[in-house]
Amino acid sequence: MKKFNDFDASGNWQLLIDGNDDSWWDYKIDAIERILEVIDDEGENRLSNYVYEGDKLPFEELKLQLEKLAEEDFYTILEEIKTICEFEGEFKLYNISDEDEIDFLKDEEDTDDYFDYDD
């Protein structure tokens, strides 16, 4: 099993799509942009159909609003966007440079392939 210190991460933010490693980003905003692009490209409806807090936001503004949200709110809004766009995939975004996030990942079953905490 691969140990966390041996994992070759090329950024601080790991994006998983449908449980598979998609990409690594230095900044959360870039990972959010990737998520929105995937939804817009692969969803049945375009992202421009999504209204956030009563306003139809341009792509760049929506990206900025999502970055500001707490994790729970982020995933709630993301689910709304996926529903509007009729996108079926699942996203997980992890901040691997945050010790609290790593502690959280210890409890998740799907991380066993990447992390070994029993050193």
PDB file of N, CA and C in Angstrom:
ATOM      1  N   MET A   1       0.842  -1.173   0.000  1.00  0.00           N
ATOM      2  CA  MET A   1       0.000   0.000   0.000  1.00  0.00           C
ATOM      3  C   MET A   1       0.894   1.246   0.000  1.00  0.00           C
ATOM      4  N   LYS A   2       0.513   2.218  -0.770  1.00  0.00           N
ATOM      5  CA  LYS A   2       1.293   3.439  -0.884  1.00  0.00           C
ATOM      6  C   LYS A   2       1.142   4.300   0.366  1.00  0.00           C
ATOM      7  N   LYS A   3       2.239   4.783   0.899  1.00  0.00           N
ATOM      8  CA  LYS A   3       2.212   5.657   2.060  1.00  0.00           C
ATOM      9  C   LYS A   3       2.000   7.098   1.603  1.00  0.00           C
ATOM     10  N   PHE A   4       1.374   7.889   2.455  1.00  0.00           N
ATOM     11  CA  PHE A   4       1.068   9.262   2.094  1.00  0.00           C
ATOM     12  C   PHE A   4       2.317  10.034   1.658  1.00  0.00           C
ATOM     13  N   ASN A   5       3.413   9.874   2.390  1.00  0.00           N
ATOM     14  CA  ASN A   5       4.640  10.606   2.059  1.00  0.00           C
ATOM     15  C   ASN A   5       5.220  10.190   0.715  1.00  0.00           C
ATOM     16  N   ASP A   6       4.884   8.996   0.252  1.00  0.00           N
ATOM     17  CA  ASP A   6       5.373   8.509  -1.039  1.00  0.00           C
ATOM     18  C   ASP A   6       4.480   8.916  -2.206  1.00  0.00           C
ATOM     19  N   PHE A   7       3.303   9.463  -1.877  1.00  0.00           N
ATOM     20  CA  PHE A   7       2.340   9.795  -2.925  1.00  0.00           C
ATOM     21  C   PHE A   7       2.830  10.999  -3.708  1.00  0.00           C
ATOM     22  N   ASP A   8       2.919  10.861  -5.009  1.00  0.00           N
ATOM     23  CA  ASP A   8       3.449  11.915  -5.858  1.00  0.00           C
ATOM     24  C   ASP A   8       2.329  12.885  -6.244  1.00  0.00           C
ATOM     25  N   ALA A   9       2.049  13.818  -5.358  1.00  0.00           N
ATOM     26  CA  ALA A   9       1.004  14.814  -5.603  1.00  0.00           C
ATOM     27  C   ALA A   9       1.626  16.025  -6.264  1.00  0.00           C
ATOM     28  N   SER A  10       0.999  16.483  -7.323  1.00  0.00           N
ATOM     29  CA  SER A  10       1.543  17.646  -8.025  1.00  0.00           C
ATOM     30  C   SER A  10       0.778  18.912  -7.690  1.00  0.00           C
ATOM     31  N   GLY A  11       0.072  18.920  -6.581  1.00  0.00           N
ATOM     32  CA  GLY A  11      -0.663  20.095  -6.145  1.00  0.00           C
ATOM     33  C   GLY A  11      -1.250  19.849  -4.775  1.00  0.00           C
ATOM     34  N   ASN A  12      -1.855  20.867  -4.200  1.00  0.00           N
ATOM     35  CA  ASN A  12      -2.434  20.754  -2.869  1.00  0.00           C
ATOM     36  C   ASN A  12      -3.856  20.226  -2.873  1.00  0.00           C
ATOM     37  N   TRP A  13      -4.537  20.318  -3.993  1.00  0.00           N
ATOM     38  CA  TRP A  13      -5.938  19.919  -4.091  1.00  0.00           C
ATOM     39  C   TRP A  13      -6.082  18.746  -5.047  1.00  0.00           C
ATOM     40  N   GLN A  14      -6.650  17.663  -4.555  1.00  0.00           N
ATOM     41  CA  GLN A  14      -6.879  16.485  -5.380  1.00  0.00           C
ATOM     42  C   GLN A  14      -8.357  16.434  -5.748  1.00  0.00           C
ATOM     43  N   LEU A  15      -8.641  16.241  -7.028  1.00  0.00           N
ATOM     44  CA  LEU A  15     -10.005  16.114  -7.511  1.00  0.00           C
ATOM     45  C   LEU A  15     -10.247  14.683  -7.967  1.00  0.00           C
ATOM     46  N   LEU A  16     -11.273  14.063  -7.394  1.00  0.00           N
ATOM     47  CA  LEU A  16     -11.715  12.748  -7.811  1.00  0.00           C
ATOM     48  C   LEU A  16     -13.053  12.895  -8.512  1.00  0.00           C
ATOM     49  N   ILE A  17     -13.212  12.217  -9.626  1.00  0.00           N
ATOM     50  CA  ILE A  17     -14.487  12.178 -10.323  1.00  0.00           C
ATOM     51  C   ILE A  17     -14.904  10.721 -10.393  1.00  0.00           C
ATOM     52  N   ASP A  18     -16.082  10.447  -9.869  1.00  0.00           N
ATOM     53  CA  ASP A  18     -16.600   9.074  -9.791  1.00  0.00           C
ATOM     54  C   ASP A  18     -15.598   8.135  -9.125  1.00  0.00           C
ATOM     55  N   GLY A  19     -14.927   8.628  -8.092  1.00  0.00           N
ATOM     56  CA  GLY A  19     -13.992   7.819  -7.330  1.00  0.00           C
ATOM     57  C   GLY A  19     -12.633   7.637  -7.958  1.00  0.00           C
ATOM     58  N   ASN A  20     -12.419   8.224  -9.141  1.00  0.00           N
ATOM     59  CA  ASN A  20     -11.136   8.092  -9.832  1.00  0.00           C
ATOM     60  C   ASN A  20     -10.363   9.392  -9.778  1.00  0.00           C
ATOM     61  N   ASP A  21      -9.053   9.282  -9.624  1.00  0.00           N
ATOM     62  CA  ASP A  21      -8.185  10.460  -9.606  1.00  0.00           C
ATOM     63  C   ASP A  21      -8.301  11.184 -10.940  1.00  0.00           C
ATOM     64  N   ASP A  22      -8.737  12.425 -10.904  1.00  0.00           N
ATOM     65  CA  ASP A  22      -8.875  13.210 -12.129  1.00  0.00           C
ATOM     66  C   ASP A  22      -7.700  14.151 -12.297  1.00  0.00           C
ATOM     67  N   SER A  23      -7.438  14.973 -11.272  1.00  0.00           N
ATOM     68  CA  SER A  23      -6.403  15.985 -11.429  1.00  0.00           C
ATOM     69  C   SER A  23      -5.969  16.537 -10.075  1.00  0.00           C
ATOM     70  N   TRP A  24      -4.828  17.237 -10.101  1.00  0.00           N
ATOM     71  CA  TRP A  24      -4.270  17.894  -8.926  1.00  0.00           C
ATOM     72  C   TRP A  24      -4.107  19.374  -9.249  1.00  0.00           C
ATOM     73  N   TRP A  25      -4.366  20.222  -8.245  1.00  0.00           N
ATOM     74  CA  TRP A  25      -4.310  21.667  -8.451  1.00  0.00           C
ATOM     75  C   TRP A  25      -3.599  22.325  -7.281  1.00  0.00           C
ATOM     76  N   ASP A  26      -2.881  23.402  -7.571  1.00  0.00           N
ATOM     77  CA  ASP A  26      -2.252  24.171  -6.505  1.00  0.00           C
ATOM     78  C   ASP A  26      -3.277  25.011  -5.753  1.00  0.00           C
ATOM     79  N   TYR A  27      -4.322  25.439  -6.457  1.00  0.00           N
ATOM     80  CA  TYR A  27      -5.315  26.337  -5.860  1.00  0.00           C
ATOM     81  C   TYR A  27      -6.710  25.758  -5.994  1.00  0.00           C
ATOM     82  N   LYS A  28      -7.507  25.946  -4.949  1.00  0.00           N
ATOM     83  CA  LYS A  28      -8.879  25.442  -4.929  1.00  0.00           C
ATOM     84  C   LYS A  28      -9.698  26.005  -6.087  1.00  0.00           C
ATOM     85  N   ILE A  29      -9.508  27.271  -6.409  1.00  0.00           N
ATOM     86  CA  ILE A  29     -10.278  27.915  -7.483  1.00  0.00           C
ATOM     87  C   ILE A  29     -10.085  27.195  -8.811  1.00  0.00           C
ATOM     88  N   ASP A  30      -8.880  26.703  -9.062  1.00  0.00           N
ATOM     89  CA  ASP A  30      -8.601  25.981 -10.303  1.00  0.00           C
ATOM     90  C   ASP A  30      -9.307  24.618 -10.320  1.00  0.00           C
ATOM     91  N   ALA A  31      -9.364  23.966  -9.162  1.00  0.00           N
ATOM     92  CA  ALA A  31     -10.067  22.691  -9.070  1.00  0.00           C
ATOM     93  C   ALA A  31     -11.568  22.901  -9.275  1.00  0.00           C
ATOM     94  N   ILE A  32     -12.101  23.977  -8.719  1.00  0.00           N
ATOM     95  CA  ILE A  32     -13.517  24.301  -8.909  1.00  0.00           C
ATOM     96  C   ILE A  32     -13.798  24.587 -10.378  1.00  0.00           C
ATOM     97  N   GLU A  33     -12.898  25.286 -11.026  1.00  0.00           N
ATOM     98  CA  GLU A  33     -13.063  25.545 -12.465  1.00  0.00           C
ATOM     99  C   GLU A  33     -13.131  24.234 -13.239  1.00  0.00           C
ATOM    100  N   ARG A  34     -12.291  23.284 -12.892  1.00  0.00           N
ATOM    101  CA  ARG A  34     -12.299  21.967 -13.554  1.00  0.00           C
ATOM    102  C   ARG A  34     -13.647  21.276 -13.339  1.00  0.00           C
ATOM    103  N   ILE A  35     -14.163  21.320 -12.114  1.00  0.00           N
ATOM    104  CA  ILE A  35     -15.459  20.707 -11.812  1.00  0.00           C
ATOM    105  C   ILE A  35     -16.554  21.322 -12.675  1.00  0.00           C
ATOM    106  N   LEU A  36     -16.588  22.647 -12.717  1.00  0.00           N
ATOM    107  CA  LEU A  36     -17.626  23.334 -13.488  1.00  0.00           C
ATOM    108  C   LEU A  36     -17.498  23.043 -14.985  1.00  0.00           C
ATOM    109  N   GLU A  37     -16.273  22.958 -15.473  1.00  0.00           N
ATOM    110  CA  GLU A  37     -16.067  22.635 -16.892  1.00  0.00           C
ATOM    111  C   GLU A  37     -16.577  21.230 -17.219  1.00  0.00           C
ATOM    112  N   VAL A  38     -16.315  20.274 -16.332  1.00  0.00           N
ATOM    113  CA  VAL A  38     -16.779  18.903 -16.554  1.00  0.00           C
ATOM    114  C   VAL A  38     -18.305  18.871 -16.570  1.00  0.00           C
ATOM    115  N   ILE A  39     -18.929  19.539 -15.615  1.00  0.00           N
ATOM    116  CA  ILE A  39     -20.392  19.579 -15.568  1.00  0.00           C
ATOM    117  C   ILE A  39     -20.943  20.231 -16.831  1.00  0.00           C
ATOM    118  N   ASP A  40     -20.349  21.339 -17.235  1.00  0.00           N
ATOM    119  CA  ASP A  40     -20.831  22.070 -18.406  1.00  0.00           C
ATOM    120  C   ASP A  40     -20.645  21.245 -19.682  1.00  0.00           C
ATOM    121  N   ASP A  41     -19.526  20.546 -19.793  1.00  0.00           N
ATOM    122  CA  ASP A  41     -19.242  19.752 -20.991  1.00  0.00           C
ATOM    123  C   ASP A  41     -20.038  18.455 -21.057  1.00  0.00           C
ATOM    124  N   GLU A  42     -20.238  17.803 -19.917  1.00  0.00           N
ATOM    125  CA  GLU A  42     -20.812  16.461 -19.915  1.00  0.00           C
ATOM    126  C   GLU A  42     -22.261  16.396 -19.459  1.00  0.00           C
ATOM    127  N   GLY A  43     -22.787  17.492 -18.886  1.00  0.00           N
ATOM    128  CA  GLY A  43     -24.178  17.508 -18.460  1.00  0.00           C
ATOM    129  C   GLY A  43     -25.124  17.656 -19.644  1.00  0.00           C
ATOM    130  N   GLU A  44     -26.365  17.279 -19.435  1.00  0.00           N
ATOM    131  CA  GLU A  44     -27.376  17.401 -20.488  1.00  0.00           C
ATOM    132  C   GLU A  44     -27.725  18.865 -20.760  1.00  0.00           C
ATOM    133  N   ASN A  45     -27.689  19.690 -19.716  1.00  0.00           N
ATOM    134  CA  ASN A  45     -27.986  21.122 -19.845  1.00  0.00           C
ATOM    135  C   ASN A  45     -26.724  21.927 -19.572  1.00  0.00           C
ATOM    136  N   ARG A  46     -26.644  23.095 -20.149  1.00  0.00           N
ATOM    137  CA  ARG A  46     -25.466  23.953 -19.971  1.00  0.00           C
ATOM    138  C   ARG A  46     -25.491  24.606 -18.589  1.00  0.00           C
ATOM    139  N   LEU A  47     -24.350  24.908 -18.089  1.00  0.00           N
ATOM    140  CA  LEU A  47     -24.183  25.541 -16.790  1.00  0.00           C
ATOM    141  C   LEU A  47     -24.844  26.919 -16.744  1.00  0.00           C
ATOM    142  N   SER A  48     -24.986  27.552 -17.876  1.00  0.00           N
ATOM    143  CA  SER A  48     -25.588  28.884 -17.918  1.00  0.00           C
ATOM    144  C   SER A  48     -27.046  28.874 -17.454  1.00  0.00           C
ATOM    145  N   ASN A  49     -27.646  27.693 -17.321  1.00  0.00           N
ATOM    146  CA  ASN A  49     -29.021  27.588 -16.839  1.00  0.00           C
ATOM    147  C   ASN A  49     -29.127  27.658 -15.319  1.00  0.00           C
ATOM    148  N   TYR A  50     -28.001  27.658 -14.616  1.00  0.00           N
ATOM    149  CA  TYR A  50     -28.021  27.657 -13.156  1.00  0.00           C
ATOM    150  C   TYR A  50     -28.132  29.077 -12.613  1.00  0.00           C
ATOM    151  N   VAL A  51     -29.064  29.285 -11.691  1.00  0.00           N
ATOM    152  CA  VAL A  51     -29.277  30.584 -11.050  1.00  0.00           C
ATOM    153  C   VAL A  51     -28.827  30.446  -9.598  1.00  0.00           C
ATOM    154  N   TYR A  52     -27.886  31.294  -9.188  1.00  0.00           N
ATOM    155  CA  TYR A  52     -27.339  31.271  -7.833  1.00  0.00           C
ATOM    156  C   TYR A  52     -27.859  32.479  -7.066  1.00  0.00           C
ATOM    157  N   GLU A  53     -28.563  32.213  -5.963  1.00  0.00           N
ATOM    158  CA  GLU A  53     -29.136  33.260  -5.123  1.00  0.00           C
ATOM    159  C   GLU A  53     -29.901  34.298  -5.938  1.00  0.00           C
ATOM    160  N   GLY A  54     -30.710  33.828  -6.865  1.00  0.00           N
ATOM    161  CA  GLY A  54     -31.573  34.705  -7.646  1.00  0.00           C
ATOM    162  C   GLY A  54     -30.937  35.339  -8.865  1.00  0.00           C
ATOM    163  N   ASP A  55     -29.641  35.140  -9.065  1.00  0.00           N
ATOM    164  CA  ASP A  55     -28.947  35.751 -10.197  1.00  0.00           C
ATOM    165  C   ASP A  55     -28.343  34.678 -11.089  1.00  0.00           C
ATOM    166  N   LYS A  56     -28.404  34.943 -12.379  1.00  0.00           N
ATOM    167  CA  LYS A  56     -27.699  34.101 -13.341  1.00  0.00           C
ATOM    168  C   LYS A  56     -26.266  34.618 -13.389  1.00  0.00           C
ATOM    169  N   LEU A  57     -25.350  33.862 -12.798  1.00  0.00           N
ATOM    170  CA  LEU A  57     -23.968  34.322 -12.694  1.00  0.00           C
ATOM    171  C   LEU A  57     -23.137  33.849 -13.876  1.00  0.00           C
ATOM    172  N   PRO A  58     -22.258  34.722 -14.356  1.00  0.00           N
ATOM    173  CA  PRO A  58     -21.295  34.258 -15.362  1.00  0.00           C
ATOM    174  C   PRO A  58     -20.398  33.182 -14.734  1.00  0.00           C
ATOM    175  N   PHE A  59     -19.812  32.357 -15.563  1.00  0.00           N
ATOM    176  CA  PHE A  59     -18.967  31.250 -15.132  1.00  0.00           C
ATOM    177  C   PHE A  59     -17.926  31.700 -14.103  1.00  0.00           C
ATOM    178  N   GLU A  60     -17.219  32.776 -14.381  1.00  0.00           N
ATOM    179  CA  GLU A  60     -16.145  33.251 -13.491  1.00  0.00           C
ATOM    180  C   GLU A  60     -16.687  33.653 -12.123  1.00  0.00           C
ATOM    181  N   GLU A  61     -17.833  34.298 -12.093  1.00  0.00           N
ATOM    182  CA  GLU A  61     -18.426  34.725 -10.830  1.00  0.00           C
ATOM    183  C   GLU A  61     -18.925  33.529 -10.026  1.00  0.00           C
ATOM    184  N   LEU A  62     -19.520  32.561 -10.693  1.00  0.00           N
ATOM    185  CA  LEU A  62     -19.972  31.346 -10.018  1.00  0.00           C
ATOM    186  C   LEU A  62     -18.792  30.622  -9.385  1.00  0.00           C
ATOM    187  N   LYS A  63     -17.707  30.548 -10.100  1.00  0.00           N
ATOM    188  CA  LYS A  63     -16.489  29.904  -9.601  1.00  0.00           C
ATOM    189  C   LYS A  63     -16.008  30.605  -8.322  1.00  0.00           C
ATOM    190  N   LEU A  64     -16.004  31.914  -8.310  1.00  0.00           N
ATOM    191  CA  LEU A  64     -15.574  32.677  -7.140  1.00  0.00           C
ATOM    192  C   LEU A  64     -16.520  32.474  -5.955  1.00  0.00           C
ATOM    193  N   GLN A  65     -17.818  32.428  -6.219  1.00  0.00           N
ATOM    194  CA  GLN A  65     -18.791  32.208  -5.154  1.00  0.00           C
ATOM    195  C   GLN A  65     -18.614  30.821  -4.528  1.00  0.00           C
ATOM    196  N   LEU A  66     -18.395  29.821  -5.347  1.00  0.00           N
ATOM    197  CA  LEU A  66     -18.206  28.461  -4.836  1.00  0.00           C
ATOM    198  C   LEU A  66     -16.950  28.351  -3.979  1.00  0.00           C
ATOM    199  N   GLU A  67     -15.912  29.059  -4.346  1.00  0.00           N
ATOM    200  CA  GLU A  67     -14.664  28.988  -3.580  1.00  0.00           C
ATOM    201  C   GLU A  67     -14.847  29.512  -2.162  1.00  0.00           C
ATOM    202  N   LYS A  68     -15.726  30.461  -1.970  1.00  0.00           N
ATOM    203  CA  LYS A  68     -15.937  31.094  -0.664  1.00  0.00           C
ATOM    204  C   LYS A  68     -16.753  30.237   0.300  1.00  0.00           C
ATOM    205  N   LEU A  69     -17.453  29.244  -0.214  1.00  0.00           N
ATOM    206  CA  LEU A  69     -18.371  28.464   0.608  1.00  0.00           C
ATOM    207  C   LEU A  69     -17.652  27.471   1.516  1.00  0.00           C
ATOM    208  N   ALA A  70     -18.270  27.218   2.670  1.00  0.00           N
ATOM    209  CA  ALA A  70     -17.808  26.139   3.541  1.00  0.00           C
ATOM    210  C   ALA A  70     -18.042  24.819   2.814  1.00  0.00           C
ATOM    211  N   GLU A  71     -17.335  23.784   3.209  1.00  0.00           N
ATOM    212  CA  GLU A  71     -17.384  22.503   2.499  1.00  0.00           C
ATOM    213  C   GLU A  71     -18.805  21.964   2.348  1.00  0.00           C
ATOM    214  N   GLU A  72     -19.578  21.974   3.429  1.00  0.00           N
ATOM    215  CA  GLU A  72     -20.944  21.447   3.363  1.00  0.00           C
ATOM    216  C   GLU A  72     -21.795  22.243   2.374  1.00  0.00           C
ATOM    217  N   ASP A  73     -21.689  23.565   2.433  1.00  0.00           N
ATOM    218  CA  ASP A  73     -22.445  24.413   1.508  1.00  0.00           C
ATOM    219  C   ASP A  73     -21.958  24.223   0.072  1.00  0.00           C
ATOM    220  N   PHE A  74     -20.659  24.057  -0.094  1.00  0.00           N
ATOM    221  CA  PHE A  74     -20.083  23.836  -1.419  1.00  0.00           C
ATOM    222  C   PHE A  74     -20.725  22.605  -2.074  1.00  0.00           C
ATOM    223  N   TYR A  75     -20.768  21.494  -1.328  1.00  0.00           N
ATOM    224  CA  TYR A  75     -21.324  20.265  -1.895  1.00  0.00           C
ATOM    225  C   TYR A  75     -22.838  20.367  -2.098  1.00  0.00           C
ATOM    226  N   THR A  76     -23.529  21.129  -1.251  1.00  0.00           N
ATOM    227  CA  THR A  76     -24.965  21.339  -1.435  1.00  0.00           C
ATOM    228  C   THR A  76     -25.230  22.086  -2.737  1.00  0.00           C
ATOM    229  N   ILE A  77     -24.506  23.181  -2.959  1.00  0.00           N
ATOM    230  CA  ILE A  77     -24.660  23.966  -4.190  1.00  0.00           C
ATOM    231  C   ILE A  77     -24.220  23.137  -5.397  1.00  0.00           C
ATOM    232  N   LEU A  78     -23.151  22.378  -5.238  1.00  0.00           N
ATOM    233  CA  LEU A  78     -22.675  21.527  -6.330  1.00  0.00           C
ATOM    234  C   LEU A  78     -23.752  20.517  -6.741  1.00  0.00           C
ATOM    235  N   GLU A  79     -24.437  19.949  -5.767  1.00  0.00           N
ATOM    236  CA  GLU A  79     -25.530  19.009  -6.078  1.00  0.00           C
ATOM    237  C   GLU A  79     -26.655  19.709  -6.831  1.00  0.00           C
ATOM    238  N   GLU A  80     -26.967  20.952  -6.445  1.00  0.00           N
ATOM    239  CA  GLU A  80     -27.984  21.724  -7.165  1.00  0.00           C
ATOM    240  C   GLU A  80     -27.566  21.970  -8.611  1.00  0.00           C
ATOM    241  N   ILE A  81     -26.308  22.332  -8.793  1.00  0.00           N
ATOM    242  CA  ILE A  81     -25.790  22.580 -10.143  1.00  0.00           C
ATOM    243  C   ILE A  81     -25.871  21.301 -10.978  1.00  0.00           C
ATOM    244  N   LYS A  82     -25.459  20.184 -10.384  1.00  0.00           N
ATOM    245  CA  LYS A  82     -25.500  18.913 -11.098  1.00  0.00           C
ATOM    246  C   LYS A  82     -26.929  18.552 -11.494  1.00  0.00           C
ATOM    247  N   THR A  83     -27.882  18.816 -10.606  1.00  0.00           N
ATOM    248  CA  THR A  83     -29.289  18.514 -10.896  1.00  0.00           C
ATOM    249  C   THR A  83     -29.788  19.371 -12.055  1.00  0.00           C
ATOM    250  N   ILE A  84     -29.525  20.669 -12.013  1.00  0.00           N
ATOM    251  CA  ILE A  84     -29.956  21.579 -13.079  1.00  0.00           C
ATOM    252  C   ILE A  84     -29.334  21.172 -14.416  1.00  0.00           C
ATOM    253  N   CYS A  85     -28.072  20.802 -14.387  1.00  0.00           N
ATOM    254  CA  CYS A  85     -27.347  20.449 -15.619  1.00  0.00           C
ATOM    255  C   CYS A  85     -27.548  18.985 -16.013  1.00  0.00           C
ATOM    256  N   GLU A  86     -28.269  18.242 -15.174  1.00  0.00           N
ATOM    257  CA  GLU A  86     -28.488  16.814 -15.399  1.00  0.00           C
ATOM    258  C   GLU A  86     -27.166  16.067 -15.590  1.00  0.00           C
ATOM    259  N   PHE A  87     -26.288  16.282 -14.640  1.00  0.00           N
ATOM    260  CA  PHE A  87     -24.985  15.611 -14.614  1.00  0.00           C
ATOM    261  C   PHE A  87     -25.032  14.552 -13.528  1.00  0.00           C
ATOM    262  N   GLU A  88     -24.639  13.332 -13.847  1.00  0.00           N
ATOM    263  CA  GLU A  88     -24.763  12.203 -12.935  1.00  0.00           C
ATOM    264  C   GLU A  88     -23.489  11.888 -12.151  1.00  0.00           C
ATOM    265  N   GLY A  89     -22.355  12.444 -12.508  1.00  0.00           N
ATOM    266  CA  GLY A  89     -21.094  12.088 -11.870  1.00  0.00           C
ATOM    267  C   GLY A  89     -20.971  12.594 -10.444  1.00  0.00           C
ATOM    268  N   GLU A  90     -19.986  12.061  -9.735  1.00  0.00           N
ATOM    269  CA  GLU A  90     -19.712  12.449  -8.352  1.00  0.00           C
ATOM    270  C   GLU A  90     -18.322  13.067  -8.253  1.00  0.00           C
ATOM    271  N   PHE A  91     -18.220  14.141  -7.496  1.00  0.00           N
ATOM    272  CA  PHE A  91     -16.945  14.836  -7.280  1.00  0.00           C
ATOM    273  C   PHE A  91     -16.561  14.771  -5.817  1.00  0.00           C
ATOM    274  N   LYS A  92     -15.269  14.663  -5.578  1.00  0.00           N
ATOM    275  CA  LYS A  92     -14.694  14.825  -4.248  1.00  0.00           C
ATOM    276  C   LYS A  92     -13.454  15.685  -4.416  1.00  0.00           C
ATOM    277  N   LEU A  93     -13.353  16.690  -3.587  1.00  0.00           N
ATOM    278  CA  LEU A  93     -12.228  17.614  -3.636  1.00  0.00           C
ATOM    279  C   LEU A  93     -11.554  17.591  -2.273  1.00  0.00           C
ATOM    280  N   TYR A  94     -10.271  17.212  -2.259  1.00  0.00           N
ATOM    281  CA  TYR A  94      -9.521  17.087  -1.015  1.00  0.00           C
ATOM    282  C   TYR A  94      -8.354  18.061  -0.981  1.00  0.00           C
ATOM    283  N   ASN A  95      -8.213  18.723   0.160  1.00  0.00           N
ATOM    284  CA  ASN A  95      -7.054  19.576   0.391  1.00  0.00           C
ATOM    285  C   ASN A  95      -6.018  18.728   1.119  1.00  0.00           C
ATOM    286  N   ILE A  96      -5.089  18.173   0.389  1.00  0.00           N
ATOM    287  CA  ILE A  96      -4.136  17.245   1.002  1.00  0.00           C
ATOM    288  C   ILE A  96      -3.043  17.939   1.796  1.00  0.00           C
ATOM    289  N   SER A  97      -2.993  19.266   1.737  1.00  0.00           N
ATOM    290  CA  SER A  97      -1.993  19.988   2.521  1.00  0.00           C
ATOM    291  C   SER A  97      -2.532  20.387   3.894  1.00  0.00           C
ATOM    292  N   ASP A  98      -3.772  20.037   4.198  1.00  0.00           N
ATOM    293  CA  ASP A  98      -4.419  20.386   5.454  1.00  0.00           C
ATOM    294  C   ASP A  98      -4.457  19.155   6.351  1.00  0.00           C
ATOM    295  N   GLU A  99      -3.821  19.234   7.531  1.00  0.00           N
ATOM    296  CA  GLU A  99      -3.763  18.088   8.434  1.00  0.00           C
ATOM    297  C   GLU A  99      -5.151  17.635   8.868  1.00  0.00           C
ATOM    298  N   ASP A 100      -6.072  18.574   9.044  1.00  0.00           N
ATOM    299  CA  ASP A 100      -7.434  18.209   9.428  1.00  0.00           C
ATOM    300  C   ASP A 100      -8.100  17.398   8.323  1.00  0.00           C
ATOM    301  N   GLU A 101      -7.821  17.750   7.095  1.00  0.00           N
ATOM    302  CA  GLU A 101      -8.385  17.006   5.960  1.00  0.00           C
ATOM    303  C   GLU A 101      -7.808  15.593   5.930  1.00  0.00           C
ATOM    304  N   ILE A 102      -6.536  15.472   6.197  1.00  0.00           N
ATOM    305  CA  ILE A 102      -5.902  14.158   6.215  1.00  0.00           C
ATOM    306  C   ILE A 102      -6.497  13.312   7.333  1.00  0.00           C
ATOM    307  N   ASP A 103      -6.746  13.911   8.503  1.00  0.00           N
ATOM    308  CA  ASP A 103      -7.393  13.177   9.590  1.00  0.00           C
ATOM    309  C   ASP A 103      -8.772  12.705   9.167  1.00  0.00           C
ATOM    310  N   PHE A 104      -9.497  13.550   8.448  1.00  0.00           N
ATOM    311  CA  PHE A 104     -10.816  13.181   7.947  1.00  0.00           C
ATOM    312  C   PHE A 104     -10.698  12.003   6.967  1.00  0.00           C
ATOM    313  N   LEU A 105      -9.698  12.045   6.112  1.00  0.00           N
ATOM    314  CA  LEU A 105      -9.520  10.996   5.114  1.00  0.00           C
ATOM    315  C   LEU A 105      -9.176   9.653   5.748  1.00  0.00           C
ATOM    316  N   LYS A 106      -8.577   9.673   6.921  1.00  0.00           N
ATOM    317  CA  LYS A 106      -8.251   8.422   7.606  1.00  0.00           C
ATOM    318  C   LYS A 106      -9.508   7.589   7.836  1.00  0.00           C
ATOM    319  N   ASP A 107     -10.631   8.276   8.027  1.00  0.00           N
ATOM    320  CA  ASP A 107     -11.878   7.592   8.319  1.00  0.00           C
ATOM    321  C   ASP A 107     -12.616   7.134   7.072  1.00  0.00           C
ATOM    322  N   GLU A 108     -12.196   7.563   5.904  1.00  0.00           N
ATOM    323  CA  GLU A 108     -12.886   7.199   4.668  1.00  0.00           C
ATOM    324  C   GLU A 108     -12.312   5.913   4.102  1.00  0.00           C
ATOM    325  N   GLU A 109     -13.170   4.995   3.742  1.00  0.00           N
ATOM    326  CA  GLU A 109     -12.731   3.693   3.233  1.00  0.00           C
ATOM    327  C   GLU A 109     -12.027   3.786   1.889  1.00  0.00           C
ATOM    328  N   ASP A 110     -12.453   4.696   1.033  1.00  0.00           N
ATOM    329  CA  ASP A 110     -11.920   4.734  -0.325  1.00  0.00           C
ATOM    330  C   ASP A 110     -10.508   5.311  -0.406  1.00  0.00           C
ATOM    331  N   THR A 111      -9.917   5.731   0.704  1.00  0.00           N
ATOM    332  CA  THR A 111      -8.570   6.287   0.665  1.00  0.00           C
ATOM    333  C   THR A 111      -7.500   5.234   0.957  1.00  0.00           C
ATOM    334  N   ASP A 112      -7.914   4.036   1.292  1.00  0.00           N
ATOM    335  CA  ASP A 112      -6.952   3.001   1.651  1.00  0.00           C
ATOM    336  C   ASP A 112      -5.944   2.720   0.556  1.00  0.00           C
ATOM    337  N   ASP A 113      -6.300   2.950  -0.685  1.00  0.00           N
ATOM    338  CA  ASP A 113      -5.364   2.708  -1.774  1.00  0.00           C
ATOM    339  C   ASP A 113      -4.246   3.742  -1.809  1.00  0.00           C
ATOM    340  N   TYR A 114      -4.481   4.903  -1.224  1.00  0.00           N
ATOM    341  CA  TYR A 114      -3.508   5.986  -1.303  1.00  0.00           C
ATOM    342  C   TYR A 114      -2.715   6.183  -0.017  1.00  0.00           C
ATOM    343  N   PHE A 115      -3.336   5.949   1.119  1.00  0.00           N
ATOM    344  CA  PHE A 115      -2.717   6.338   2.364  1.00  0.00           C
ATOM    345  C   PHE A 115      -2.557   5.148   3.298  1.00  0.00           C
ATOM    346  N   ASP A 116      -1.431   5.089   3.967  1.00  0.00           N
ATOM    347  CA  ASP A 116      -1.187   4.099   4.995  1.00  0.00           C
ATOM    348  C   ASP A 116      -0.772   4.843   6.245  1.00  0.00           C
ATOM    349  N   TYR A 117      -1.629   4.828   7.257  1.00  0.00           N
ATOM    350  CA  TYR A 117      -1.376   5.625   8.443  1.00  0.00           C
ATOM    351  C   TYR A 117      -0.792   4.818   9.580  1.00  0.00           C
ATOM    352  N   ASP A 118      -0.552   3.564   9.362  1.00  0.00           N
ATOM    353  CA  ASP A 118      -0.027   2.707  10.421  1.00  0.00           C
ATOM    354  C   ASP A 118       1.476   2.563  10.312  1.00  0.00           C
ATOM    355  N   ASP A 119       2.193   3.679  10.389  1.00  0.00           N
ATOM    356  CA  ASP A 119       3.660   3.649  10.304  1.00  0.00           C
ATOM    357  C   ASP A 119       4.267   3.257  11.623  1.00  0.00           C
TER     358      ASP A 119
END
